[in-house]
Amino acid sequence: MMTCKDCIHQTVCFDWCRGFGQESELCKHFSDKAEWFHLYAKNHGIAYYPIGYGDKAQVIEEPIYGLGIKNGKHYIIDECRDFYEIGEEVFLTKEAVEKVVERRKSNEL
C-alpha cells in the first residue's frame, strides 16, 4: 500500500495531510515519485544517438518526443514512439555521445 511517503508532493503537502500516513487512494493530489526522474540539465529537446562502428561511427541528433520509465530505467521516446535507454542507446549531451563514438571508431567496444 502506498502512502504519502511515496508521493512527489510529500514535502509540500505535509501541512495538508498532517503526516506521512495517508493512503494514496484517499489523496486526490497523490503522484508516485517513483514515476518521476530528474534530468541533470534544463531544456532537453535534442537526443544524441551514436550510430555505426569503425570509420563510419557518427552522432545523429533527433528531437525528443517524450521521456519515460520502463523497468526502472529512464528512456527517451522518439517520433516513432520507440524507447531508447538514456546513457546506453541515447545521450542527453553531445559530450557524452562523442566519447562513445570515439570508442567505436577505435574499436574499443
PDB file of N, CA and C in Angstrom:
ATOM      1  N   MET A   1       0.842  -1.176   0.000  1.00  0.00           N
ATOM      2  CA  MET A   1       0.000   0.000   0.000  1.00  0.00           C
ATOM      3  C   MET A   1       0.893   1.248   0.000  1.00  0.00           C
ATOM      4  N   MET A   2       0.616   2.186  -0.895  1.00  0.00           N
ATOM      5  CA  MET A   2       1.379   3.420  -0.964  1.00  0.00           C
ATOM      6  C   MET A   2       0.790   4.447  -0.020  1.00  0.00           C
ATOM      7  N   THR A   3       1.682   5.251   0.560  1.00  0.00           N
ATOM      8  CA  THR A   3       1.258   6.315   1.469  1.00  0.00           C
ATOM      9  C   THR A   3       1.904   7.623   1.016  1.00  0.00           C
ATOM     10  N   CYS A   4       1.741   8.658   1.813  1.00  0.00           N
ATOM     11  CA  CYS A   4       2.305   9.969   1.489  1.00  0.00           C
ATOM     12  C   CYS A   4       3.821   9.923   1.316  1.00  0.00           C
ATOM     13  N   LYS A   5       4.496   8.972   1.967  1.00  0.00           N
ATOM     14  CA  LYS A   5       5.953   8.855   1.816  1.00  0.00           C
ATOM     15  C   LYS A   5       6.345   8.546   0.378  1.00  0.00           C
ATOM     16  N   ASP A   6       5.432   7.975  -0.401  1.00  0.00           N
ATOM     17  CA  ASP A   6       5.704   7.593  -1.783  1.00  0.00           C
ATOM     18  C   ASP A   6       5.299   8.672  -2.781  1.00  0.00           C
ATOM     19  N   CYS A   7       4.862   9.832  -2.308  1.00  0.00           N
ATOM     20  CA  CYS A   7       4.327  10.887  -3.160  1.00  0.00           C
ATOM     21  C   CYS A   7       5.371  11.963  -3.442  1.00  0.00           C
ATOM     22  N   ILE A   8       5.373  12.465  -4.676  1.00  0.00           N
ATOM     23  CA  ILE A   8       6.303  13.529  -5.055  1.00  0.00           C
ATOM     24  C   ILE A   8       5.977  14.830  -4.313  1.00  0.00           C
ATOM     25  N   HIS A   9       4.758  14.974  -3.866  1.00  0.00           N
ATOM     26  CA  HIS A   9       4.334  16.186  -3.153  1.00  0.00           C
ATOM     27  C   HIS A   9       4.529  16.084  -1.645  1.00  0.00           C
ATOM     28  N   GLN A  10       5.252  15.102  -1.188  1.00  0.00           N
ATOM     29  CA  GLN A  10       5.394  14.808   0.245  1.00  0.00           C
ATOM     30  C   GLN A  10       5.726  16.052   1.065  1.00  0.00           C
ATOM     31  N   THR A  11       6.723  16.817   0.671  1.00  0.00           N
ATOM     32  CA  THR A  11       7.156  17.978   1.446  1.00  0.00           C
ATOM     33  C   THR A  11       6.129  19.090   1.387  1.00  0.00           C
ATOM     34  N   VAL A  12       5.595  19.363   0.231  1.00  0.00           N
ATOM     35  CA  VAL A  12       4.632  20.443   0.058  1.00  0.00           C
ATOM     36  C   VAL A  12       3.340  20.154   0.795  1.00  0.00           C
ATOM     37  N   CYS A  13       2.900  18.925   0.771  1.00  0.00           N
ATOM     38  CA  CYS A  13       1.607  18.554   1.357  1.00  0.00           C
ATOM     39  C   CYS A  13       1.688  18.209   2.840  1.00  0.00           C
ATOM     40  N   PHE A  14       2.855  18.305   3.448  1.00  0.00           N
ATOM     41  CA  PHE A  14       2.987  17.866   4.842  1.00  0.00           C
ATOM     42  C   PHE A  14       1.947  18.518   5.740  1.00  0.00           C
ATOM     43  N   ASP A  15       1.767  19.825   5.606  1.00  0.00           N
ATOM     44  CA  ASP A  15       0.785  20.511   6.449  1.00  0.00           C
ATOM     45  C   ASP A  15      -0.634  20.070   6.121  1.00  0.00           C
ATOM     46  N   TRP A  16      -0.884  19.783   4.847  1.00  0.00           N
ATOM     47  CA  TRP A  16      -2.225  19.408   4.420  1.00  0.00           C
ATOM     48  C   TRP A  16      -2.626  18.036   4.957  1.00  0.00           C
ATOM     49  N   CYS A  17      -1.733  17.052   4.849  1.00  0.00           N
ATOM     50  CA  CYS A  17      -2.135  15.709   5.266  1.00  0.00           C
ATOM     51  C   CYS A  17      -1.701  15.385   6.691  1.00  0.00           C
ATOM     52  N   ARG A  18      -1.017  16.311   7.350  1.00  0.00           N
ATOM     53  CA  ARG A  18      -0.647  16.161   8.776  1.00  0.00           C
ATOM     54  C   ARG A  18       0.152  14.904   9.067  1.00  0.00           C
ATOM     55  N   GLY A  19       1.075  14.591   8.215  1.00  0.00           N
ATOM     56  CA  GLY A  19       1.910  13.428   8.470  1.00  0.00           C
ATOM     57  C   GLY A  19       2.056  12.584   7.233  1.00  0.00           C
ATOM     58  N   PHE A  20       2.748  11.494   7.392  1.00  0.00           N
ATOM     59  CA  PHE A  20       3.042  10.650   6.249  1.00  0.00           C
ATOM     60  C   PHE A  20       2.366   9.300   6.384  1.00  0.00           C
ATOM     61  N   GLY A  21       1.074   9.287   6.628  1.00  0.00           N
ATOM     62  CA  GLY A  21       0.403   8.023   6.791  1.00  0.00           C
ATOM     63  C   GLY A  21      -0.825   7.847   5.926  1.00  0.00           C
ATOM     64  N   GLN A  22      -1.258   8.916   5.267  1.00  0.00           N
ATOM     65  CA  GLN A  22      -2.477   8.821   4.472  1.00  0.00           C
ATOM     66  C   GLN A  22      -2.296   7.858   3.313  1.00  0.00           C
ATOM     67  N   GLU A  23      -3.283   7.038   3.067  1.00  0.00           N
ATOM     68  CA  GLU A  23      -3.230   6.097   1.954  1.00  0.00           C
ATOM     69  C   GLU A  23      -3.385   6.838   0.639  1.00  0.00           C
ATOM     70  N   SER A  24      -2.613   6.417  -0.373  1.00  0.00           N
ATOM     71  CA  SER A  24      -2.580   7.115  -1.651  1.00  0.00           C
ATOM     72  C   SER A  24      -3.945   7.205  -2.317  1.00  0.00           C
ATOM     73  N   GLU A  25      -4.755   6.154  -2.198  1.00  0.00           N
ATOM     74  CA  GLU A  25      -6.047   6.185  -2.867  1.00  0.00           C
ATOM     75  C   GLU A  25      -7.014   7.184  -2.237  1.00  0.00           C
ATOM     76  N   LEU A  26      -6.699   7.684  -1.043  1.00  0.00           N
ATOM     77  CA  LEU A  26      -7.540   8.681  -0.388  1.00  0.00           C
ATOM     78  C   LEU A  26      -7.128  10.101  -0.749  1.00  0.00           C
ATOM     79  N   CYS A  27      -5.990  10.271  -1.401  1.00  0.00           N
ATOM     80  CA  CYS A  27      -5.455  11.603  -1.681  1.00  0.00           C
ATOM     81  C   CYS A  27      -5.631  11.946  -3.159  1.00  0.00           C
ATOM     82  N   LYS A  28      -6.338  13.028  -3.438  1.00  0.00           N
ATOM     83  CA  LYS A  28      -6.559  13.425  -4.832  1.00  0.00           C
ATOM     84  C   LYS A  28      -5.309  14.056  -5.438  1.00  0.00           C
ATOM     85  N   HIS A  29      -4.291  14.382  -4.637  1.00  0.00           N
ATOM     86  CA  HIS A  29      -3.067  15.000  -5.132  1.00  0.00           C
ATOM     87  C   HIS A  29      -1.910  14.004  -5.257  1.00  0.00           C
ATOM     88  N   PHE A  30      -2.154  12.734  -4.953  1.00  0.00           N
ATOM     89  CA  PHE A  30      -1.074  11.744  -4.952  1.00  0.00           C
ATOM     90  C   PHE A  30      -0.473  11.558  -6.339  1.00  0.00           C
ATOM     91  N   SER A  31       0.867  11.565  -6.389  1.00  0.00           N
ATOM     92  CA  SER A  31       1.612  11.296  -7.619  1.00  0.00           C
ATOM     93  C   SER A  31       2.847  10.499  -7.221  1.00  0.00           C
ATOM     94  N   ASP A  32       2.930   9.260  -7.648  1.00  0.00           N
ATOM     95  CA  ASP A  32       4.004   8.348  -7.257  1.00  0.00           C
ATOM     96  C   ASP A  32       5.363   8.902  -7.671  1.00  0.00           C
ATOM     97  N   LYS A  33       6.242   9.156  -6.696  1.00  0.00           N
ATOM     98  CA  LYS A  33       7.546   9.743  -7.019  1.00  0.00           C
ATOM     99  C   LYS A  33       8.465   8.764  -7.740  1.00  0.00           C
ATOM    100  N   ALA A  34       8.146   7.480  -7.747  1.00  0.00           N
ATOM    101  CA  ALA A  34       8.943   6.510  -8.494  1.00  0.00           C
ATOM    102  C   ALA A  34       8.747   6.686 -10.002  1.00  0.00           C
ATOM    103  N   GLU A  35       7.688   7.374 -10.398  1.00  0.00           N
ATOM    104  CA  GLU A  35       7.430   7.598 -11.817  1.00  0.00           C
ATOM    105  C   GLU A  35       8.097   8.861 -12.346  1.00  0.00           C
ATOM    106  N   TRP A  36       8.738   9.611 -11.480  1.00  0.00           N
ATOM    107  CA  TRP A  36       9.375  10.859 -11.867  1.00  0.00           C
ATOM    108  C   TRP A  36      10.884  10.717 -11.768  1.00  0.00           C
ATOM    109  N   PHE A  37      11.601  11.431 -12.625  1.00  0.00           N
ATOM    110  CA  PHE A  37      13.047  11.461 -12.517  1.00  0.00           C
ATOM    111  C   PHE A  37      13.553  12.841 -12.870  1.00  0.00           C
ATOM    112  N   HIS A  38      14.736  13.169 -12.420  1.00  0.00           N
ATOM    113  CA  HIS A  38      15.316  14.492 -12.595  1.00  0.00           C
ATOM    114  C   HIS A  38      16.356  14.470 -13.704  1.00  0.00           C
ATOM    115  N   LEU A  39      16.180  15.324 -14.681  1.00  0.00           N
ATOM    116  CA  LEU A  39      17.200  15.482 -15.715  1.00  0.00           C
ATOM    117  C   LEU A  39      18.243  16.467 -15.192  1.00  0.00           C
ATOM    118  N   TYR A  40      19.511  16.169 -15.430  1.00  0.00           N
ATOM    119  CA  TYR A  40      20.569  16.965 -14.837  1.00  0.00           C
ATOM    120  C   TYR A  40      20.828  18.269 -15.565  1.00  0.00           C
ATOM    121  N   ALA A  41      20.189  18.546 -16.650  1.00  0.00           N
ATOM    122  CA  ALA A  41      20.323  19.816 -17.345  1.00  0.00           C
ATOM    123  C   ALA A  41      18.935  20.262 -17.800  1.00  0.00           C
ATOM    124  N   LYS A  42      18.800  21.556 -18.025  1.00  0.00           N
ATOM    125  CA  LYS A  42      17.496  22.093 -18.395  1.00  0.00           C
ATOM    126  C   LYS A  42      17.287  22.071 -19.900  1.00  0.00           C
ATOM    127  N   ASN A  43      16.033  22.129 -20.273  1.00  0.00           N
ATOM    128  CA  ASN A  43      15.629  22.312 -21.660  1.00  0.00           C
ATOM    129  C   ASN A  43      16.167  21.265 -22.620  1.00  0.00           C
ATOM    130  N   HIS A  44      16.078  20.015 -22.261  1.00  0.00           N
ATOM    131  CA  HIS A  44      16.474  18.962 -23.191  1.00  0.00           C
ATOM    132  C   HIS A  44      15.422  18.864 -24.274  1.00  0.00           C
ATOM    133  N   GLY A  45      15.830  19.122 -25.485  1.00  0.00           N
ATOM    134  CA  GLY A  45      14.923  18.990 -26.606  1.00  0.00           C
ATOM    135  C   GLY A  45      15.509  18.103 -27.678  1.00  0.00           C
ATOM    136  N   ILE A  46      16.816  17.829 -27.558  1.00  0.00           N
ATOM    137  CA  ILE A  46      17.532  17.033 -28.545  1.00  0.00           C
ATOM    138  C   ILE A  46      18.166  15.830 -27.861  1.00  0.00           C
ATOM    139  N   ALA A  47      18.058  14.678 -28.497  1.00  0.00           N
ATOM    140  CA  ALA A  47      18.735  13.462 -28.039  1.00  0.00           C
ATOM    141  C   ALA A  47      19.858  13.158 -29.024  1.00  0.00           C
ATOM    142  N   TYR A  48      20.947  12.605 -28.525  1.00  0.00           N
ATOM    143  CA  TYR A  48      22.115  12.291 -29.346  1.00  0.00           C
ATOM    144  C   TYR A  48      22.313  10.779 -29.385  1.00  0.00           C
ATOM    145  N   TYR A  49      22.344  10.229 -30.584  1.00  0.00           N
ATOM    146  CA  TYR A  49      22.444   8.794 -30.790  1.00  0.00           C
ATOM    147  C   TYR A  49      23.786   8.445 -31.434  1.00  0.00           C
ATOM    148  N   PRO A  50      24.540   7.492 -30.862  1.00  0.00           N
ATOM    149  CA  PRO A  50      25.737   7.009 -31.554  1.00  0.00           C
ATOM    150  C   PRO A  50      25.318   5.915 -32.543  1.00  0.00           C
ATOM    151  N   ILE A  51      25.718   6.062 -33.788  1.00  0.00           N
ATOM    152  CA  ILE A  51      25.395   5.025 -34.764  1.00  0.00           C
ATOM    153  C   ILE A  51      26.661   4.607 -35.494  1.00  0.00           C
ATOM    154  N   GLY A  52      26.679   3.377 -35.959  1.00  0.00           N
ATOM    155  CA  GLY A  52      27.796   2.857 -36.733  1.00  0.00           C
ATOM    156  C   GLY A  52      28.995   2.470 -35.881  1.00  0.00           C
ATOM    157  N   TYR A  53      29.964   1.826 -36.542  1.00  0.00           N
ATOM    158  CA  TYR A  53      31.199   1.384 -35.895  1.00  0.00           C
ATOM    159  C   TYR A  53      32.367   1.685 -36.812  1.00  0.00           C
ATOM    160  N   GLY A  54      33.563   1.694 -36.246  1.00  0.00           N
ATOM    161  CA  GLY A  54      34.771   1.941 -37.033  1.00  0.00           C
ATOM    162  C   GLY A  54      34.751   3.330 -37.642  1.00  0.00           C
ATOM    163  N   ASP A  55      35.204   3.441 -38.886  1.00  0.00           N
ATOM    164  CA  ASP A  55      35.267   4.728 -39.561  1.00  0.00           C
ATOM    165  C   ASP A  55      33.898   5.344 -39.811  1.00  0.00           C
ATOM    166  N   LYS A  56      32.855   4.532 -39.766  1.00  0.00           N
ATOM    167  CA  LYS A  56      31.502   5.031 -40.053  1.00  0.00           C
ATOM    168  C   LYS A  56      30.749   5.473 -38.797  1.00  0.00           C
ATOM    169  N   ALA A  57      31.375   5.391 -37.644  1.00  0.00           N
ATOM    170  CA  ALA A  57      30.728   5.810 -36.399  1.00  0.00           C
ATOM    171  C   ALA A  57      30.492   7.314 -36.436  1.00  0.00           C
ATOM    172  N   GLN A  58      29.278   7.698 -36.040  1.00  0.00           N
ATOM    173  CA  GLN A  58      28.937   9.114 -36.031  1.00  0.00           C
ATOM    174  C   GLN A  58      27.819   9.389 -35.036  1.00  0.00           C
ATOM    175  N   VAL A  59      27.515  10.657 -34.863  1.00  0.00           N
ATOM    176  CA  VAL A  59      26.457  11.101 -33.962  1.00  0.00           C
ATOM    177  C   VAL A  59      25.304  11.633 -34.807  1.00  0.00           C
ATOM    178  N   ILE A  60      24.093  11.234 -34.456  1.00  0.00           N
ATOM    179  CA  ILE A  60      22.927  11.870 -35.067  1.00  0.00           C
ATOM    180  C   ILE A  60      22.117  12.525 -33.955  1.00  0.00           C
ATOM    181  N   GLU A  61      21.464  13.605 -34.307  1.00  0.00           N
ATOM    182  CA  GLU A  61      20.639  14.347 -33.361  1.00  0.00           C
ATOM    183  C   GLU A  61      19.187  14.233 -33.790  1.00  0.00           C
ATOM    184  N   GLU A  62      18.332  13.967 -32.832  1.00  0.00           N
ATOM    185  CA  GLU A  62      16.904  13.846 -33.103  1.00  0.00           C
ATOM    186  C   GLU A  62      16.130  14.540 -31.988  1.00  0.00           C
ATOM    187  N   PRO A  63      14.976  15.103 -32.292  1.00  0.00           N
ATOM    188  CA  PRO A  63      14.170  15.729 -31.236  1.00  0.00           C
ATOM    189  C   PRO A  63      13.614  14.685 -30.272  1.00  0.00           C
ATOM    190  N   ILE A  64      13.465  15.097 -29.032  1.00  0.00           N
ATOM    191  CA  ILE A  64      12.865  14.251 -28.002  1.00  0.00           C
ATOM    192  C   ILE A  64      11.359  14.478 -28.036  1.00  0.00           C
ATOM    193  N   TYR A  65      10.611  13.396 -28.170  1.00  0.00           N
ATOM    194  CA  TYR A  65       9.157  13.495 -28.182  1.00  0.00           C
ATOM    195  C   TYR A  65       8.545  13.124 -26.837  1.00  0.00           C
ATOM    196  N   GLY A  66       9.324  12.482 -25.995  1.00  0.00           N
ATOM    197  CA  GLY A  66       8.823  12.126 -24.680  1.00  0.00           C
ATOM    198  C   GLY A  66       9.893  11.463 -23.856  1.00  0.00           C
ATOM    199  N   LEU A  67       9.622  11.360 -22.575  1.00  0.00           N
ATOM    200  CA  LEU A  67      10.503  10.686 -21.619  1.00  0.00           C
ATOM    201  C   LEU A  67       9.677   9.632 -20.910  1.00  0.00           C
ATOM    202  N   GLY A  68      10.305   8.543 -20.535  1.00  0.00           N
ATOM    203  CA  GLY A  68       9.564   7.502 -19.855  1.00  0.00           C
ATOM    204  C   GLY A  68      10.440   6.653 -18.968  1.00  0.00           C
ATOM    205  N   ILE A  69       9.791   5.868 -18.148  1.00  0.00           N
ATOM    206  CA  ILE A  69      10.470   4.917 -17.278  1.00  0.00           C
ATOM    207  C   ILE A  69       9.899   3.546 -17.588  1.00  0.00           C
ATOM    208  N   LYS A  70      10.783   2.602 -17.828  1.00  0.00           N
ATOM    209  CA  LYS A  70      10.368   1.230 -18.124  1.00  0.00           C
ATOM    210  C   LYS A  70      11.305   0.310 -17.358  1.00  0.00           C
ATOM    211  N   ASN A  71      10.757  -0.560 -16.553  1.00  0.00           N
ATOM    212  CA  ASN A  71      11.549  -1.482 -15.729  1.00  0.00           C
ATOM    213  C   ASN A  71      12.592  -0.750 -14.897  1.00  0.00           C
ATOM    214  N   GLY A  72      12.238   0.430 -14.399  1.00  0.00           N
ATOM    215  CA  GLY A  72      13.126   1.206 -13.543  1.00  0.00           C
ATOM    216  C   GLY A  72      14.234   1.937 -14.266  1.00  0.00           C
ATOM    217  N   LYS A  73      14.236   1.930 -15.595  1.00  0.00           N
ATOM    218  CA  LYS A  73      15.265   2.616 -16.376  1.00  0.00           C
ATOM    219  C   LYS A  73      14.638   3.795 -17.115  1.00  0.00           C
ATOM    220  N   HIS A  74      15.433   4.835 -17.326  1.00  0.00           N
ATOM    221  CA  HIS A  74      14.950   6.045 -17.974  1.00  0.00           C
ATOM    222  C   HIS A  74      15.146   5.971 -19.484  1.00  0.00           C
ATOM    223  N   TYR A  75      14.117   6.394 -20.213  1.00  0.00           N
ATOM    224  CA  TYR A  75      14.114   6.266 -21.667  1.00  0.00           C
ATOM    225  C   TYR A  75      13.699   7.564 -22.352  1.00  0.00           C
ATOM    226  N   ILE A  76      14.238   7.742 -23.557  1.00  0.00           N
ATOM    227  CA  ILE A  76      13.790   8.776 -24.484  1.00  0.00           C
ATOM    228  C   ILE A  76      12.776   8.111 -25.405  1.00  0.00           C
ATOM    229  N   ILE A  77      11.739   8.844 -25.761  1.00  0.00           N
ATOM    230  CA  ILE A  77      10.762   8.350 -26.724  1.00  0.00           C
ATOM    231  C   ILE A  77      10.921   9.181 -27.995  1.00  0.00           C
ATOM    232  N   ASP A  78      11.126   8.506 -29.123  1.00  0.00           N
ATOM    233  CA  ASP A  78      11.346   9.226 -30.380  1.00  0.00           C
ATOM    234  C   ASP A  78      10.043   9.408 -31.144  1.00  0.00           C
ATOM    235  N   GLU A  79      10.133   9.992 -32.337  1.00  0.00           N
ATOM    236  CA  GLU A  79       8.932  10.285 -33.112  1.00  0.00           C
ATOM    237  C   GLU A  79       8.163   9.041 -33.544  1.00  0.00           C
ATOM    238  N   CYS A  80       8.826   7.897 -33.592  1.00  0.00           N
ATOM    239  CA  CYS A  80       8.150   6.632 -33.936  1.00  0.00           C
ATOM    240  C   CYS A  80       7.614   5.922 -32.702  1.00  0.00           C
ATOM    241  N   ARG A  81       7.726   6.576 -31.561  1.00  0.00           N
ATOM    242  CA  ARG A  81       7.301   6.039 -30.262  1.00  0.00           C
ATOM    243  C   ARG A  81       8.156   4.866 -29.801  1.00  0.00           C
ATOM    244  N   ASP A  82       9.392   4.824 -30.285  1.00  0.00           N
ATOM    245  CA  ASP A  82      10.344   3.814 -29.822  1.00  0.00           C
ATOM    246  C   ASP A  82      11.040   4.327 -28.568  1.00  0.00           C
ATOM    247  N   PHE A  83      11.420   3.408 -27.681  1.00  0.00           N
ATOM    248  CA  PHE A  83      12.108   3.738 -26.441  1.00  0.00           C
ATOM    249  C   PHE A  83      13.599   3.469 -26.603  1.00  0.00           C
ATOM    250  N   TYR A  84      14.440   4.400 -26.129  1.00  0.00           N
ATOM    251  CA  TYR A  84      15.895   4.229 -26.139  1.00  0.00           C
ATOM    252  C   TYR A  84      16.414   4.587 -24.758  1.00  0.00           C
ATOM    253  N   GLU A  85      17.165   3.677 -24.169  1.00  0.00           N
ATOM    254  CA  GLU A  85      17.644   3.877 -22.805  1.00  0.00           C
ATOM    255  C   GLU A  85      18.684   4.996 -22.734  1.00  0.00           C
ATOM    256  N   ILE A  86      18.450   5.940 -21.837  1.00  0.00           N
ATOM    257  CA  ILE A  86      19.369   7.064 -21.641  1.00  0.00           C
ATOM    258  C   ILE A  86      20.659   6.544 -21.025  1.00  0.00           C
ATOM    259  N   GLY A  87      21.775   6.924 -21.608  1.00  0.00           N
ATOM    260  CA  GLY A  87      23.084   6.512 -21.118  1.00  0.00           C
ATOM    261  C   GLY A  87      23.592   5.225 -21.727  1.00  0.00           C
ATOM    262  N   GLU A  88      22.748   4.537 -22.493  1.00  0.00           N
ATOM    263  CA  GLU A  88      23.141   3.300 -23.161  1.00  0.00           C
ATOM    264  C   GLU A  88      22.985   3.428 -24.676  1.00  0.00           C
ATOM    265  N   GLU A  89      21.778   3.762 -25.103  1.00  0.00           N
ATOM    266  CA  GLU A  89      21.461   3.843 -26.529  1.00  0.00           C
ATOM    267  C   GLU A  89      21.334   5.285 -27.024  1.00  0.00           C
ATOM    268  N   VAL A  90      21.107   6.192 -26.099  1.00  0.00           N
ATOM    269  CA  VAL A  90      20.913   7.606 -26.423  1.00  0.00           C
ATOM    270  C   VAL A  90      21.473   8.444 -25.280  1.00  0.00           C
ATOM    271  N   PHE A  91      21.888   9.665 -25.611  1.00  0.00           N
ATOM    272  CA  PHE A  91      22.516  10.528 -24.612  1.00  0.00           C
ATOM    273  C   PHE A  91      21.891  11.914 -24.666  1.00  0.00           C
ATOM    274  N   LEU A  92      21.961  12.632 -23.547  1.00  0.00           N
ATOM    275  CA  LEU A  92      21.354  13.947 -23.468  1.00  0.00           C
ATOM    276  C   LEU A  92      22.349  15.073 -23.718  1.00  0.00           C
ATOM    277  N   THR A  93      23.644  14.737 -23.777  1.00  0.00           N
ATOM    278  CA  THR A  93      24.661  15.748 -24.086  1.00  0.00           C
ATOM    279  C   THR A  93      25.537  15.269 -25.226  1.00  0.00           C
ATOM    280  N   LYS A  94      25.996  16.211 -26.010  1.00  0.00           N
ATOM    281  CA  LYS A  94      26.851  15.866 -27.140  1.00  0.00           C
ATOM    282  C   LYS A  94      28.197  15.334 -26.653  1.00  0.00           C
ATOM    283  N   GLU A  95      28.686  15.848 -25.537  1.00  0.00           N
ATOM    284  CA  GLU A  95      29.970  15.397 -24.992  1.00  0.00           C
ATOM    285  C   GLU A  95      29.929  13.915 -24.636  1.00  0.00           C
ATOM    286  N   ALA A  96      28.837  13.476 -24.029  1.00  0.00           N
ATOM    287  CA  ALA A  96      28.721  12.073 -23.619  1.00  0.00           C
ATOM    288  C   ALA A  96      28.685  11.135 -24.827  1.00  0.00           C
ATOM    289  N   VAL A  97      27.942  11.501 -25.858  1.00  0.00           N
ATOM    290  CA  VAL A  97      27.836  10.629 -27.028  1.00  0.00           C
ATOM    291  C   VAL A  97      29.132  10.624 -27.836  1.00  0.00           C
ATOM    292  N   GLU A  98      29.854  11.734 -27.838  1.00  0.00           N
ATOM    293  CA  GLU A  98      31.118  11.782 -28.583  1.00  0.00           C
ATOM    294  C   GLU A  98      32.150  10.815 -28.010  1.00  0.00           C
ATOM    295  N   LYS A  99      32.120  10.583 -26.705  1.00  0.00           N
ATOM    296  CA  LYS A  99      33.022   9.594 -26.095  1.00  0.00           C
ATOM    297  C   LYS A  99      32.714   8.189 -26.612  1.00  0.00           C
ATOM    298  N   VAL A 100      31.434   7.876 -26.732  1.00  0.00           N
ATOM    299  CA  VAL A 100      31.029   6.561 -27.244  1.00  0.00           C
ATOM    300  C   VAL A 100      31.453   6.413 -28.699  1.00  0.00           C
ATOM    301  N   VAL A 101      31.248   7.451 -29.486  1.00  0.00           N
ATOM    302  CA  VAL A 101      31.619   7.401 -30.906  1.00  0.00           C
ATOM    303  C   VAL A 101      33.130   7.238 -31.064  1.00  0.00           C
ATOM    304  N   GLU A 102      33.904   7.917 -30.245  1.00  0.00           N
ATOM    305  CA  GLU A 102      35.369   7.774 -30.317  1.00  0.00           C
ATOM    306  C   GLU A 102      35.799   6.349 -29.986  1.00  0.00           C
ATOM    307  N   ARG A 103      35.150   5.732 -28.988  1.00  0.00           N
ATOM    308  CA  ARG A 103      35.456   4.333 -28.664  1.00  0.00           C
ATOM    309  C   ARG A 103      35.082   3.418 -29.825  1.00  0.00           C
ATOM    310  N   ARG A 104      33.956   3.690 -30.452  1.00  0.00           N
ATOM    311  CA  ARG A 104      33.542   2.863 -31.587  1.00  0.00           C
ATOM    312  C   ARG A 104      34.494   3.028 -32.769  1.00  0.00           C
ATOM    313  N   LYS A 105      35.008   4.219 -32.960  1.00  0.00           N
ATOM    314  CA  LYS A 105      35.951   4.440 -34.062  1.00  0.00           C
ATOM    315  C   LYS A 105      37.262   3.705 -33.829  1.00  0.00           C
ATOM    316  N   SER A 106      37.649   3.620 -32.552  1.00  0.00           N
ATOM    317  CA  SER A 106      38.889   2.927 -32.239  1.00  0.00           C
ATOM    318  C   SER A 106      38.658   1.453 -31.916  1.00  0.00           C
ATOM    319  N   ASN A 107      37.422   0.992 -32.111  1.00  0.00           N
ATOM    320  CA  ASN A 107      37.046  -0.421 -31.905  1.00  0.00           C
ATOM    321  C   ASN A 107      37.273  -0.912 -30.476  1.00  0.00           C
ATOM    322  N   GLU A 108      37.049  -0.043 -29.493  1.00  0.00           N
ATOM    323  CA  GLU A 108      37.202  -0.430 -28.101  1.00  0.00           C
ATOM    324  C   GLU A 108      35.993  -1.163 -27.559  1.00  0.00           C
ATOM    325  N   LEU A 109      34.904  -1.183 -28.308  1.00  0.00           N
ATOM    326  CA  LEU A 109      33.683  -1.817 -27.789  1.00  0.00           C
ATOM    327  C   LEU A 109      33.716  -3.291 -27.951  1.00  0.00           C
TER     328      LEU A 109
END
